[in-house]
Amino acid sequence: MTGEPARTRAVFTAAVDQATAGYRLPLAELVPAAARAGFPVLEMPAFALATYRQEHGHHGLVRFLDRHQVRIGQVSCGTGIPADLTVPAARWPQATARWRETCRLAASVGSGRVSVFVPRAAADAGRVADRLGQLAALAADYELEVSIEMHAPALLPQGAHLVRRAAAPNIGLLVDVAALALAGLDPARYIAAQPEGAVGWVHLADLPHLPAPGKGRPPRVLPGAGCLALAQALTALRDVGYAGPVAVEVPRDEPYAQDTAAHLTRAATALTGGALASFFTPGGVR
C-alpha cells in the first residue's frame, strides 16, 4: 500500500523509462504509445535515438518527437562505454569520446540531461569523482545536466559524496526509490537527508514485499501495487526542492506482447489516476 499522499501542490511530471515499455522496443512504437498513455516525457537510451536517426535522419527524428508532443527528458547510455565511471584506465579515452557523441545527440533532440553510473566499488574513489567531473564539464559544453546512478546497493550512500567531490554544478543524483528499498534503506529518509537541489532525476517503482534474507530480490511492480511508502518518498523529494520528471521504471521482459499502449496507460494511471495523483501536474509539464 502506498498510503495517503500528503496535501501538497502537484509538482512532478509523469515520465516513463523505456525499459517499462521494453528496452528493445523500437522508438517508432514507443513514442506514439507513450503519448497516447499521457506521458509527455521519456527517458531513452542513446542507442534507440541513434538508431531512429540513422534510419530517418536528424530532422525526421525531431519531427517525429514533435508530432507526438513528447520530450526526451533524459538520455541514458546503458552499460559499459561511455557511462561506466569505473572502466579500466586504458578505456577511459574511448569513454570520453563516446560521451561527447552522446551529449551531442542529447542536445540535438532538446534533452537537458544525460546519465552515468557506478556499477561496482572502485579502488580509487578520487578517480571516480575526477571522471565524473570530467564528464560533467563535457556535458556543460552542451548545456546538459548529468545524473549519477549508484547501481550496487552498497554504493548508494556514497552518491552524494561523489557529487560533492566532483564539484561540478551540473551534477545531480539519480534517485531510484525501489533500489533504495532493495538496499535496505528507507527511501523517504534517504531523500530527506540530501541537500536541497541535489536530486537530478527520479525512477519510481513499487515492490510486492521487502526483500527477505536468502530469498532473492522481489520483482518491481507498478507504483501503488506494492508495499512501499511512495507518498512519503515523493513528499521528501518535494521538500528537498525536486520539481522535475518522475519516471516509472518497471522493466518489461521480452518477448513483448501487443499491448504496449495498454501497458503504458496502466503505468501512467499509476501516477496520475491513483493515490499518488495529487503529486503530479495534470497532463504533465513539458
Foldseek 3Di string as FASTA:
>chain_A
DQDFFDDDAAFAFAEAEVLLLNLPPAPVVPLLLLLLLLHQEYEHELVNLVVVCVVQNLVRSLVVNVVSNHAHAEYEHPDDAQQELADDPVCPVVRLVVLLVSLVSCLSNPYAEYEHEHADDHPDLLSSLCSVLVSQVSSVVSNHAYEYEYNDLVCVVCPLVSCVSNPDPRYAYEAECVSCQQSVHQLLVSLLPHAQPRHDAYEDWAFQDGDDPPPDGGATHAAPNHDHNVSSNLVSCVVSPDRYYYHYNRGDDPPRDPCSSVSSSVNSCSCCVDSNNSNHDVSGDD
